[in-house]
Amino acid sequence: MSAFISSRPGDTATEIPPPPRWAVRAAYASALSATVGFIPIHAIWALGIPLWADERTFPDWYAAGGGPYLFVLSGLALLAGLLALSLVRPWGLTFPNWSPFLAGRRVPRRTLTGTAFAVSAFLLGYTVWAAARTISDFDDEGIFSPWIVVYGIPQFLVWGIGLSIAAHSYHHRTSLGYRIPPEGTEASPQTKGCHGHRPTDGA
């Protein structure tokens, strides 16, 4: 169902259409790739277990800061999963009631979509770089098995492409700007495509 949001009390409400099914599926696929696909193996390494890693070189790498680095990566992956879900969930439009100082206020759509597109571009760029490097130098001399990269390439593709698709949908539907006029007047949708001007939704 559509959502009605307002940036501040007294503002004209804006109706945001719900995300299409393909966007929801893309967002959930991206979130699952970021969490279920990425976090478990990195959490195992963060705990000091050299699964699919060189048992001779892993301990030194881990002691030199590899452990905290892996925990940070896992935390960032969790945030990326939440970012993907926010593009298709109500709390991606309006801050939930438990948000300190922001409860009920509208989420800045340009900030959210800009972050999502930037993360997606980074993931896809990193995937291309990792694939090219693995193809040119596929050996077992590194700390981690090169087969980890082979596993990670499709996972990162799903993660990045799904996030980009969900971000595109979010940007499109929050840009439509269905204005809800004061009570007693008839509502008429104002979209960029139909009327040639941008909505004034405060975002």
N, C-alpha and C. Protein backbone atom coordinates (compact mmCIF):
# COMPACT_ATOMS: atom_id res chain seq x y z
N MET A 1 0.84 -1.19 0.00
CA MET A 1 0.00 0.00 0.00
C MET A 1 0.88 1.24 0.00
N SER A 2 0.31 2.35 -0.45
CA SER A 2 1.05 3.60 -0.53
C SER A 2 1.31 4.15 0.86
N ALA A 3 2.37 4.97 0.96
CA ALA A 3 2.71 5.62 2.22
C ALA A 3 2.49 7.11 2.09
N PHE A 4 1.99 7.72 3.16
CA PHE A 4 1.79 9.16 3.20
C PHE A 4 2.80 9.73 4.19
N ILE A 5 3.65 10.63 3.72
CA ILE A 5 4.70 11.16 4.58
C ILE A 5 4.74 12.67 4.47
N SER A 6 5.27 13.29 5.53
CA SER A 6 5.43 14.73 5.58
C SER A 6 6.72 15.03 6.32
N SER A 7 7.48 16.00 5.84
CA SER A 7 8.75 16.32 6.47
C SER A 7 8.55 17.01 7.81
N ARG A 8 7.58 17.91 7.93
CA ARG A 8 7.34 18.66 9.16
C ARG A 8 5.84 18.81 9.35
N PRO A 9 5.41 19.01 10.60
CA PRO A 9 3.99 19.23 10.84
C PRO A 9 3.49 20.42 10.04
N GLY A 10 2.35 20.26 9.39
CA GLY A 10 1.76 21.32 8.60
C GLY A 10 2.11 21.27 7.14
N ASP A 11 3.14 20.44 6.78
CA ASP A 11 3.49 20.30 5.37
C ASP A 11 2.41 19.55 4.62
N THR A 12 2.32 19.82 3.32
CA THR A 12 1.44 19.03 2.47
C THR A 12 1.96 17.59 2.40
N ALA A 13 1.10 16.63 2.61
CA ALA A 13 1.53 15.23 2.63
C ALA A 13 1.88 14.78 1.22
N THR A 14 2.77 13.85 1.14
CA THR A 14 3.19 13.27 -0.13
C THR A 14 2.91 11.79 -0.12
N GLU A 15 2.24 11.31 -1.14
CA GLU A 15 1.95 9.89 -1.24
C GLU A 15 3.05 9.20 -2.05
N ILE A 16 3.66 8.18 -1.46
CA ILE A 16 4.71 7.42 -2.13
C ILE A 16 4.14 6.05 -2.51
N PRO A 17 4.14 5.71 -3.79
CA PRO A 17 3.63 4.40 -4.19
C PRO A 17 4.51 3.28 -3.63
N PRO A 18 3.95 2.10 -3.43
CA PRO A 18 4.73 0.98 -2.88
C PRO A 18 5.75 0.48 -3.89
N PRO A 19 6.81 -0.17 -3.42
CA PRO A 19 7.81 -0.70 -4.35
C PRO A 19 7.25 -1.87 -5.15
N PRO A 20 7.60 -2.01 -6.40
CA PRO A 20 7.16 -3.17 -7.18
C PRO A 20 7.83 -4.44 -6.68
N ARG A 21 7.25 -5.59 -7.06
CA ARG A 21 7.79 -6.86 -6.57
C ARG A 21 9.23 -7.08 -6.98
N TRP A 22 9.59 -6.68 -8.20
CA TRP A 22 10.96 -6.91 -8.65
C TRP A 22 11.96 -6.13 -7.83
N ALA A 23 11.57 -4.95 -7.36
CA ALA A 23 12.46 -4.16 -6.53
C ALA A 23 12.61 -4.79 -5.14
N VAL A 24 11.49 -5.30 -4.61
CA VAL A 24 11.54 -5.96 -3.30
C VAL A 24 12.44 -7.19 -3.37
N ARG A 25 12.27 -7.98 -4.42
CA ARG A 25 13.11 -9.18 -4.57
C ARG A 25 14.57 -8.81 -4.72
N ALA A 26 14.86 -7.76 -5.47
CA ALA A 26 16.24 -7.33 -5.65
C ALA A 26 16.84 -6.86 -4.33
N ALA A 27 16.05 -6.12 -3.55
CA ALA A 27 16.54 -5.62 -2.26
C ALA A 27 16.82 -6.77 -1.30
N TYR A 28 15.92 -7.74 -1.24
CA TYR A 28 16.11 -8.87 -0.33
C TYR A 28 17.26 -9.76 -0.79
N ALA A 29 17.43 -9.92 -2.10
CA ALA A 29 18.56 -10.69 -2.61
C ALA A 29 19.87 -10.00 -2.24
N SER A 30 19.91 -8.68 -2.37
CA SER A 30 21.10 -7.93 -2.00
C SER A 30 21.38 -8.05 -0.51
N ALA A 31 20.34 -7.92 0.31
CA ALA A 31 20.51 -8.01 1.76
C ALA A 31 20.99 -9.39 2.19
N LEU A 32 20.44 -10.43 1.56
CA LEU A 32 20.85 -11.80 1.89
C LEU A 32 22.30 -12.05 1.47
N SER A 33 22.68 -11.52 0.32
CA SER A 33 24.05 -11.67 -0.13
C SER A 33 25.02 -10.98 0.82
N ALA A 34 24.62 -9.80 1.32
CA ALA A 34 25.47 -9.04 2.23
C ALA A 34 25.60 -9.69 3.59
N THR A 35 24.57 -10.39 4.03
CA THR A 35 24.56 -10.98 5.37
C THR A 35 24.87 -12.48 5.33
N VAL A 36 23.95 -13.25 4.80
CA VAL A 36 24.12 -14.70 4.76
C VAL A 36 25.30 -15.11 3.88
N GLY A 37 25.51 -14.39 2.79
CA GLY A 37 26.59 -14.74 1.88
C GLY A 37 27.96 -14.28 2.32
N PHE A 38 28.03 -13.13 2.99
CA PHE A 38 29.33 -12.52 3.30
C PHE A 38 29.75 -12.71 4.76
N ILE A 39 28.85 -12.46 5.68
CA ILE A 39 29.24 -12.38 7.09
C ILE A 39 29.73 -13.70 7.69
N PRO A 40 29.08 -14.85 7.46
CA PRO A 40 29.51 -16.08 8.15
C PRO A 40 30.98 -16.43 7.97
N ILE A 41 31.47 -16.46 6.75
CA ILE A 41 32.86 -16.84 6.52
C ILE A 41 33.81 -15.81 7.12
N HIS A 42 33.46 -14.53 7.02
CA HIS A 42 34.32 -13.49 7.58
C HIS A 42 34.28 -13.50 9.11
N ALA A 43 33.13 -13.88 9.68
CA ALA A 43 33.04 -14.00 11.14
C ALA A 43 33.91 -15.16 11.63
N ILE A 44 33.95 -16.24 10.86
CA ILE A 44 34.81 -17.37 11.22
C ILE A 44 36.28 -16.94 11.24
N TRP A 45 36.70 -16.21 10.20
CA TRP A 45 38.07 -15.70 10.17
C TRP A 45 38.31 -14.71 11.30
N ALA A 46 37.31 -13.87 11.59
CA ALA A 46 37.46 -12.87 12.65
C ALA A 46 37.65 -13.52 14.01
N LEU A 47 37.17 -14.73 14.17
CA LEU A 47 37.34 -15.47 15.42
C LEU A 47 38.68 -16.21 15.46
N GLY A 48 39.47 -16.06 14.41
CA GLY A 48 40.79 -16.66 14.40
C GLY A 48 40.86 -18.06 13.84
N ILE A 49 39.80 -18.49 13.14
CA ILE A 49 39.77 -19.84 12.57
C ILE A 49 40.19 -19.76 11.11
N PRO A 50 41.29 -20.40 10.71
CA PRO A 50 41.81 -20.28 9.35
C PRO A 50 41.12 -21.21 8.34
N LEU A 51 39.82 -21.12 8.26
CA LEU A 51 39.07 -21.94 7.31
C LEU A 51 39.36 -21.46 5.89
N TRP A 52 39.79 -22.38 4.98
CA TRP A 52 40.15 -22.02 3.61
C TRP A 52 41.21 -20.92 3.58
N ALA A 53 42.11 -20.98 4.55
CA ALA A 53 43.21 -20.02 4.61
C ALA A 53 44.51 -20.78 4.91
N ASP A 54 45.62 -20.15 4.62
CA ASP A 54 46.93 -20.75 4.86
C ASP A 54 47.21 -20.74 6.36
N GLU A 55 47.31 -21.90 6.97
CA GLU A 55 47.50 -21.99 8.42
C GLU A 55 48.87 -21.48 8.86
N ARG A 56 49.81 -21.34 7.93
CA ARG A 56 51.14 -20.84 8.29
C ARG A 56 51.16 -19.32 8.35
N THR A 57 50.50 -18.65 7.41
CA THR A 57 50.56 -17.18 7.34
C THR A 57 49.36 -16.49 8.00
N PHE A 58 48.26 -17.20 8.16
CA PHE A 58 47.05 -16.59 8.72
C PHE A 58 47.27 -16.06 10.13
N PRO A 59 47.91 -16.81 11.06
CA PRO A 59 48.06 -16.30 12.43
C PRO A 59 48.80 -14.96 12.50
N ASP A 60 49.87 -14.79 11.71
CA ASP A 60 50.61 -13.52 11.72
C ASP A 60 49.76 -12.38 11.17
N TRP A 61 49.03 -12.66 10.09
CA TRP A 61 48.14 -11.65 9.51
C TRP A 61 47.05 -11.27 10.50
N TYR A 62 46.51 -12.27 11.18
CA TYR A 62 45.44 -12.04 12.15
C TYR A 62 45.95 -11.20 13.32
N ALA A 63 47.14 -11.53 13.81
CA ALA A 63 47.72 -10.81 14.94
C ALA A 63 48.09 -9.38 14.59
N ALA A 64 48.35 -9.13 13.31
CA ALA A 64 48.74 -7.79 12.87
C ALA A 64 47.56 -6.87 12.62
N GLY A 65 46.38 -7.29 12.99
CA GLY A 65 45.19 -6.45 12.84
C GLY A 65 44.13 -7.04 11.95
N GLY A 66 44.34 -8.25 11.46
CA GLY A 66 43.35 -8.87 10.60
C GLY A 66 42.03 -9.16 11.30
N GLY A 67 42.09 -9.48 12.59
CA GLY A 67 40.87 -9.77 13.34
C GLY A 67 39.92 -8.59 13.41
N PRO A 68 40.37 -7.44 13.95
CA PRO A 68 39.50 -6.26 13.98
C PRO A 68 39.03 -5.84 12.59
N TYR A 69 39.90 -5.96 11.62
CA TYR A 69 39.54 -5.62 10.23
C TYR A 69 38.36 -6.45 9.75
N LEU A 70 38.37 -7.75 10.06
CA LEU A 70 37.28 -8.63 9.64
C LEU A 70 35.99 -8.32 10.37
N PHE A 71 36.09 -7.96 11.65
CA PHE A 71 34.89 -7.58 12.40
C PHE A 71 34.28 -6.31 11.81
N VAL A 72 35.13 -5.35 11.43
CA VAL A 72 34.64 -4.12 10.82
C VAL A 72 33.96 -4.43 9.49
N LEU A 73 34.58 -5.29 8.68
CA LEU A 73 33.98 -5.67 7.41
C LEU A 73 32.60 -6.30 7.61
N SER A 74 32.49 -7.17 8.61
CA SER A 74 31.20 -7.82 8.88
C SER A 74 30.15 -6.81 9.30
N GLY A 75 30.57 -5.83 10.12
CA GLY A 75 29.63 -4.78 10.53
C GLY A 75 29.18 -3.93 9.36
N LEU A 76 30.11 -3.61 8.46
CA LEU A 76 29.75 -2.84 7.27
C LEU A 76 28.81 -3.63 6.36
N ALA A 77 29.03 -4.93 6.26
CA ALA A 77 28.14 -5.77 5.45
C ALA A 77 26.73 -5.78 6.02
N LEU A 78 26.63 -5.81 7.36
CA LEU A 78 25.31 -5.75 8.00
C LEU A 78 24.62 -4.43 7.69
N LEU A 79 25.36 -3.34 7.75
CA LEU A 79 24.79 -2.03 7.42
C LEU A 79 24.35 -1.98 5.96
N ALA A 80 25.14 -2.60 5.08
CA ALA A 80 24.77 -2.63 3.66
C ALA A 80 23.49 -3.43 3.45
N GLY A 81 23.31 -4.49 4.23
CA GLY A 81 22.06 -5.25 4.14
C GLY A 81 20.87 -4.42 4.59
N LEU A 82 21.04 -3.66 5.67
CA LEU A 82 19.97 -2.78 6.13
C LEU A 82 19.70 -1.67 5.13
N LEU A 83 20.75 -1.20 4.49
CA LEU A 83 20.58 -0.17 3.44
C LEU A 83 19.71 -0.70 2.31
N ALA A 84 19.96 -1.92 1.88
CA ALA A 84 19.16 -2.51 0.80
C ALA A 84 17.70 -2.64 1.21
N LEU A 85 17.45 -3.10 2.43
CA LEU A 85 16.07 -3.27 2.89
C LEU A 85 15.35 -1.93 3.06
N SER A 86 16.11 -0.90 3.46
CA SER A 86 15.47 0.41 3.67
C SER A 86 14.88 0.97 2.38
N LEU A 87 15.37 0.51 1.24
CA LEU A 87 14.88 1.01 -0.04
C LEU A 87 13.50 0.48 -0.40
N VAL A 88 13.04 -0.54 0.32
CA VAL A 88 11.72 -1.11 0.02
C VAL A 88 10.84 -1.22 1.27
N ARG A 89 11.30 -0.71 2.40
CA ARG A 89 10.55 -0.78 3.64
C ARG A 89 10.09 0.62 4.07
N PRO A 90 9.02 0.71 4.87
CA PRO A 90 8.52 2.02 5.29
C PRO A 90 9.56 2.86 6.03
N TRP A 91 10.44 2.21 6.81
CA TRP A 91 11.44 2.99 7.55
C TRP A 91 12.53 3.55 6.66
N GLY A 92 12.45 3.28 5.36
CA GLY A 92 13.32 3.96 4.41
C GLY A 92 12.71 5.25 3.91
N LEU A 93 11.46 5.51 4.29
CA LEU A 93 10.77 6.75 3.93
C LEU A 93 10.64 7.69 5.11
N THR A 94 10.31 7.13 6.28
CA THR A 94 10.14 7.92 7.49
C THR A 94 10.88 7.25 8.63
N PHE A 95 11.64 8.02 9.39
CA PHE A 95 12.36 7.45 10.51
C PHE A 95 11.39 6.85 11.51
N PRO A 96 11.65 5.63 12.01
CA PRO A 96 10.73 4.98 12.95
C PRO A 96 10.67 5.71 14.29
N ASN A 97 9.67 5.38 15.08
CA ASN A 97 9.42 6.08 16.33
C ASN A 97 10.55 5.96 17.34
N TRP A 98 11.34 4.88 17.25
CA TRP A 98 12.41 4.69 18.22
C TRP A 98 13.68 5.45 17.84
N SER A 99 13.67 6.18 16.72
CA SER A 99 14.87 6.92 16.29
C SER A 99 15.01 8.20 17.12
N PRO A 100 16.11 8.35 17.87
CA PRO A 100 16.30 9.56 18.68
C PRO A 100 16.36 10.82 17.81
N PHE A 101 15.56 11.81 18.17
CA PHE A 101 15.54 13.13 17.54
C PHE A 101 15.02 13.13 16.10
N LEU A 102 14.82 11.98 15.51
CA LEU A 102 14.40 11.93 14.11
C LEU A 102 13.06 11.24 13.90
N ALA A 103 12.45 10.73 14.95
CA ALA A 103 11.22 9.97 14.83
C ALA A 103 10.15 10.74 14.08
N GLY A 104 9.58 10.11 13.05
CA GLY A 104 8.50 10.71 12.28
C GLY A 104 8.96 11.62 11.17
N ARG A 105 10.23 11.94 11.12
CA ARG A 105 10.71 12.83 10.05
C ARG A 105 11.04 12.01 8.81
N ARG A 106 11.00 12.68 7.68
CA ARG A 106 11.26 11.99 6.43
C ARG A 106 12.74 11.70 6.24
N VAL A 107 13.05 10.52 5.74
CA VAL A 107 14.42 10.16 5.40
C VAL A 107 14.82 10.93 4.14
N PRO A 108 15.95 11.63 4.14
CA PRO A 108 16.39 12.36 2.93
C PRO A 108 16.62 11.39 1.78
N ARG A 109 15.80 11.45 0.76
CA ARG A 109 15.86 10.46 -0.31
C ARG A 109 17.13 10.57 -1.13
N ARG A 110 17.64 11.79 -1.33
CA ARG A 110 18.86 11.93 -2.11
C ARG A 110 20.06 11.32 -1.39
N THR A 111 20.09 11.48 -0.08
CA THR A 111 21.17 10.88 0.70
C THR A 111 21.12 9.37 0.64
N LEU A 112 19.90 8.82 0.76
CA LEU A 112 19.75 7.37 0.75
C LEU A 112 20.07 6.78 -0.62
N THR A 113 19.53 7.37 -1.67
CA THR A 113 19.79 6.84 -3.00
C THR A 113 21.26 7.06 -3.40
N GLY A 114 21.82 8.20 -3.05
CA GLY A 114 23.22 8.45 -3.36
C GLY A 114 24.14 7.44 -2.69
N THR A 115 23.85 7.14 -1.42
CA THR A 115 24.64 6.15 -0.70
C THR A 115 24.50 4.77 -1.34
N ALA A 116 23.26 4.40 -1.68
CA ALA A 116 23.03 3.09 -2.28
C ALA A 116 23.73 2.94 -3.62
N PHE A 117 23.64 3.95 -4.47
CA PHE A 117 24.31 3.88 -5.77
C PHE A 117 25.83 3.86 -5.61
N ALA A 118 26.36 4.60 -4.63
CA ALA A 118 27.80 4.62 -4.41
C ALA A 118 28.30 3.27 -3.93
N VAL A 119 27.58 2.66 -2.99
CA VAL A 119 27.97 1.34 -2.49
C VAL A 119 27.88 0.31 -3.61
N SER A 120 26.82 0.39 -4.41
CA SER A 120 26.66 -0.54 -5.52
C SER A 120 27.82 -0.42 -6.51
N ALA A 121 28.18 0.82 -6.85
CA ALA A 121 29.28 1.04 -7.79
C ALA A 121 30.59 0.50 -7.23
N PHE A 122 30.82 0.70 -5.94
CA PHE A 122 32.04 0.18 -5.32
C PHE A 122 32.07 -1.34 -5.37
N LEU A 123 30.96 -1.99 -5.02
CA LEU A 123 30.90 -3.45 -5.02
C LEU A 123 31.15 -4.02 -6.41
N LEU A 124 30.52 -3.43 -7.42
CA LEU A 124 30.69 -3.93 -8.79
C LEU A 124 32.10 -3.66 -9.30
N GLY A 125 32.65 -2.49 -8.97
CA GLY A 125 34.02 -2.20 -9.37
C GLY A 125 35.02 -3.13 -8.70
N TYR A 126 34.80 -3.39 -7.41
CA TYR A 126 35.68 -4.31 -6.69
C TYR A 126 35.57 -5.72 -7.27
N THR A 127 34.37 -6.12 -7.67
CA THR A 127 34.18 -7.45 -8.24
C THR A 127 34.97 -7.60 -9.53
N VAL A 128 34.91 -6.59 -10.39
CA VAL A 128 35.67 -6.64 -11.65
C VAL A 128 37.17 -6.71 -11.36
N TRP A 129 37.63 -5.89 -10.42
CA TRP A 129 39.06 -5.88 -10.08
C TRP A 129 39.50 -7.23 -9.51
N ALA A 130 38.71 -7.79 -8.58
CA ALA A 130 39.06 -9.06 -7.96
C ALA A 130 39.05 -10.20 -8.98
N ALA A 131 38.08 -10.18 -9.89
CA ALA A 131 38.01 -11.21 -10.92
C ALA A 131 39.22 -11.14 -11.85
N ALA A 132 39.58 -9.93 -12.28
CA ALA A 132 40.73 -9.76 -13.18
C ALA A 132 42.02 -10.18 -12.49
N ARG A 133 42.16 -9.81 -11.23
CA ARG A 133 43.38 -10.18 -10.51
C ARG A 133 43.47 -11.69 -10.29
N THR A 134 42.35 -12.33 -10.00
CA THR A 134 42.36 -13.77 -9.78
C THR A 134 42.66 -14.53 -11.06
N ILE A 135 42.09 -14.06 -12.17
CA ILE A 135 42.33 -14.73 -13.45
C ILE A 135 43.80 -14.63 -13.86
N SER A 136 44.41 -13.46 -13.61
CA SER A 136 45.80 -13.25 -14.02
C SER A 136 46.80 -13.92 -13.08
N ASP A 137 46.38 -14.19 -11.84
CA ASP A 137 47.32 -14.76 -10.87
C ASP A 137 46.59 -15.72 -9.94
N PHE A 138 46.14 -16.84 -10.51
CA PHE A 138 45.38 -17.82 -9.73
C PHE A 138 46.36 -18.82 -9.11
N ASP A 139 46.67 -18.60 -7.83
CA ASP A 139 47.56 -19.54 -7.14
C ASP A 139 47.16 -19.60 -5.67
N ASP A 140 47.79 -20.50 -4.95
CA ASP A 140 47.47 -20.72 -3.54
C ASP A 140 48.53 -20.15 -2.61
N GLU A 141 49.27 -19.15 -3.09
CA GLU A 141 50.36 -18.59 -2.29
C GLU A 141 49.89 -17.50 -1.34
N GLY A 142 48.67 -17.02 -1.50
CA GLY A 142 48.18 -15.96 -0.63
C GLY A 142 47.67 -16.51 0.69
N ILE A 143 47.22 -15.59 1.55
CA ILE A 143 46.70 -16.00 2.86
C ILE A 143 45.42 -16.80 2.70
N PHE A 144 44.56 -16.36 1.78
CA PHE A 144 43.28 -17.04 1.57
C PHE A 144 43.27 -17.76 0.23
N SER A 145 42.52 -18.83 0.17
CA SER A 145 42.42 -19.61 -1.06
C SER A 145 41.81 -18.76 -2.17
N PRO A 146 42.33 -18.85 -3.40
CA PRO A 146 41.73 -18.09 -4.51
C PRO A 146 40.31 -18.53 -4.81
N TRP A 147 39.94 -19.71 -4.35
CA TRP A 147 38.57 -20.17 -4.57
C TRP A 147 37.56 -19.36 -3.77
N ILE A 148 38.05 -18.65 -2.75
CA ILE A 148 37.18 -17.75 -2.01
C ILE A 148 36.70 -16.62 -2.92
N VAL A 149 37.60 -16.15 -3.79
CA VAL A 149 37.23 -15.09 -4.75
C VAL A 149 36.22 -15.64 -5.76
N VAL A 150 36.44 -16.87 -6.20
CA VAL A 150 35.49 -17.49 -7.13
C VAL A 150 34.11 -17.57 -6.51
N TYR A 151 34.06 -17.90 -5.23
CA TYR A 151 32.78 -17.92 -4.51
C TYR A 151 32.21 -16.51 -4.36
N GLY A 152 33.10 -15.54 -4.12
CA GLY A 152 32.63 -14.19 -3.83
C GLY A 152 32.15 -13.41 -5.04
N ILE A 153 32.63 -13.75 -6.24
CA ILE A 153 32.26 -12.97 -7.43
C ILE A 153 30.76 -12.98 -7.68
N PRO A 154 30.09 -14.15 -7.79
CA PRO A 154 28.63 -14.11 -7.99
C PRO A 154 27.89 -13.50 -6.81
N GLN A 155 28.42 -13.71 -5.60
CA GLN A 155 27.78 -13.12 -4.42
C GLN A 155 27.83 -11.61 -4.47
N PHE A 156 28.98 -11.05 -4.84
CA PHE A 156 29.11 -9.59 -4.92
C PHE A 156 28.29 -9.03 -6.08
N LEU A 157 28.17 -9.79 -7.17
CA LEU A 157 27.33 -9.34 -8.28
C LEU A 157 25.88 -9.21 -7.84
N VAL A 158 25.37 -10.23 -7.14
CA VAL A 158 24.00 -10.18 -6.63
C VAL A 158 23.84 -9.01 -5.66
N TRP A 159 24.81 -8.85 -4.79
CA TRP A 159 24.79 -7.78 -3.79
C TRP A 159 24.73 -6.41 -4.47
N GLY A 160 25.65 -6.16 -5.40
CA GLY A 160 25.73 -4.85 -6.03
C GLY A 160 24.60 -4.56 -7.00
N ILE A 161 24.26 -5.54 -7.85
CA ILE A 161 23.20 -5.32 -8.83
C ILE A 161 21.84 -5.19 -8.14
N GLY A 162 21.60 -6.05 -7.15
CA GLY A 162 20.33 -5.97 -6.41
C GLY A 162 20.17 -4.62 -5.73
N LEU A 163 21.26 -4.13 -5.14
CA LEU A 163 21.21 -2.82 -4.47
C LEU A 163 20.93 -1.71 -5.46
N SER A 164 21.56 -1.78 -6.63
CA SER A 164 21.35 -0.77 -7.65
C SER A 164 19.91 -0.77 -8.16
N ILE A 165 19.35 -1.95 -8.37
CA ILE A 165 17.96 -2.06 -8.85
C ILE A 165 17.00 -1.48 -7.82
N ALA A 166 17.19 -1.84 -6.55
CA ALA A 166 16.32 -1.33 -5.49
C ALA A 166 16.46 0.19 -5.35
N ALA A 167 17.68 0.69 -5.49
CA ALA A 167 17.91 2.14 -5.39
C ALA A 167 17.24 2.88 -6.55
N HIS A 168 17.29 2.29 -7.74
CA HIS A 168 16.63 2.91 -8.90
C HIS A 168 15.12 2.99 -8.67
N SER A 169 14.54 1.91 -8.15
CA SER A 169 13.10 1.91 -7.88
C SER A 169 12.75 2.95 -6.82
N TYR A 170 13.55 3.01 -5.75
CA TYR A 170 13.30 3.97 -4.67
C TYR A 170 13.37 5.41 -5.20
N HIS A 171 14.39 5.67 -5.99
CA HIS A 171 14.55 7.01 -6.55
C HIS A 171 13.36 7.38 -7.43
N HIS A 172 12.91 6.44 -8.25
CA HIS A 172 11.80 6.71 -9.16
C HIS A 172 10.50 6.97 -8.41
N ARG A 173 10.18 6.11 -7.46
CA ARG A 173 8.87 6.26 -6.80
C ARG A 173 8.84 7.42 -5.81
N THR A 174 9.99 7.79 -5.24
CA THR A 174 9.99 8.95 -4.35
C THR A 174 10.11 10.25 -5.13
N SER A 175 10.42 10.17 -6.41
CA SER A 175 10.47 11.36 -7.24
C SER A 175 9.13 11.69 -7.88
N LEU A 176 8.18 10.74 -7.83
CA LEU A 176 6.88 10.97 -8.46
C LEU A 176 6.11 12.08 -7.77
N GLY A 177 6.14 12.09 -6.44
CA GLY A 177 5.56 13.19 -5.70
C GLY A 177 4.07 13.36 -5.87
N TYR A 178 3.28 12.37 -5.51
CA TYR A 178 1.83 12.55 -5.52
C TYR A 178 1.45 13.47 -4.38
N ARG A 179 1.01 14.69 -4.73
CA ARG A 179 0.66 15.66 -3.70
C ARG A 179 -0.74 15.42 -3.18
N ILE A 180 -0.91 15.52 -1.86
CA ILE A 180 -2.22 15.36 -1.23
C ILE A 180 -2.68 16.73 -0.76
N PRO A 181 -3.60 17.38 -1.48
CA PRO A 181 -4.02 18.74 -1.13
C PRO A 181 -4.85 18.75 0.14
N PRO A 182 -5.14 19.94 0.69
CA PRO A 182 -5.94 20.05 1.91
C PRO A 182 -7.28 19.35 1.78
N GLU A 183 -7.81 18.94 2.93
CA GLU A 183 -9.07 18.21 2.97
C GLU A 183 -10.18 19.04 2.33
N GLY A 184 -11.00 18.39 1.51
CA GLY A 184 -12.10 19.05 0.85
C GLY A 184 -11.83 19.37 -0.59
N THR A 185 -10.57 19.17 -1.03
CA THR A 185 -10.25 19.39 -2.44
C THR A 185 -9.87 18.06 -3.06
N GLU A 186 -9.94 18.00 -4.37
CA GLU A 186 -9.69 16.75 -5.08
C GLU A 186 -8.21 16.57 -5.34
N ALA A 187 -7.69 15.39 -5.03
CA ALA A 187 -6.27 15.11 -5.23
C ALA A 187 -5.99 14.83 -6.69
N SER A 188 -4.86 15.31 -7.16
CA SER A 188 -4.43 14.99 -8.51
C SER A 188 -2.94 14.73 -8.50
N PRO A 189 -2.50 13.60 -9.04
CA PRO A 189 -1.07 13.29 -9.01
C PRO A 189 -0.27 14.25 -9.87
N GLN A 190 0.87 14.69 -9.31
CA GLN A 190 1.78 15.54 -10.05
C GLN A 190 3.10 14.78 -10.19
N THR A 191 3.38 14.34 -11.33
CA THR A 191 4.63 13.62 -11.56
C THR A 191 5.47 14.36 -12.56
N LYS A 192 6.74 14.05 -12.55
CA LYS A 192 7.64 14.70 -13.51
C LYS A 192 7.24 14.36 -14.93
N GLY A 193 6.83 13.11 -15.14
CA GLY A 193 6.50 12.69 -16.48
C GLY A 193 5.24 13.36 -17.01
N CYS A 194 4.29 13.62 -16.11
CA CYS A 194 3.00 14.14 -16.56
C CYS A 194 2.98 15.67 -16.60
N HIS A 195 3.73 16.31 -15.67
CA HIS A 195 3.59 17.75 -15.55
C HIS A 195 4.89 18.50 -15.79
N GLY A 196 5.99 17.78 -15.92
CA GLY A 196 7.22 18.42 -16.32
C GLY A 196 7.93 19.19 -15.24
N HIS A 197 7.52 19.06 -13.95
CA HIS A 197 8.26 19.75 -12.91
C HIS A 197 8.41 18.83 -11.71
N ARG A 198 9.39 19.14 -10.87
CA ARG A 198 9.72 18.27 -9.76
C ARG A 198 8.78 18.50 -8.59
N PRO A 199 8.54 17.47 -7.78
CA PRO A 199 7.71 17.63 -6.60
C PRO A 199 8.44 18.42 -5.53
N THR A 200 7.69 19.13 -4.71
CA THR A 200 8.28 19.85 -3.58
C THR A 200 7.97 19.08 -2.34
N ASP A 201 8.75 18.01 -2.12
CA ASP A 201 8.45 17.13 -0.99
C ASP A 201 9.39 17.35 0.19
N GLY A 202 10.26 18.36 0.08
CA GLY A 202 11.12 18.67 1.21
C GLY A 202 12.31 17.77 1.31
N ALA A 203 12.49 16.81 0.34
CA ALA A 203 13.63 15.90 0.44
C ALA A 203 14.80 16.46 -0.32
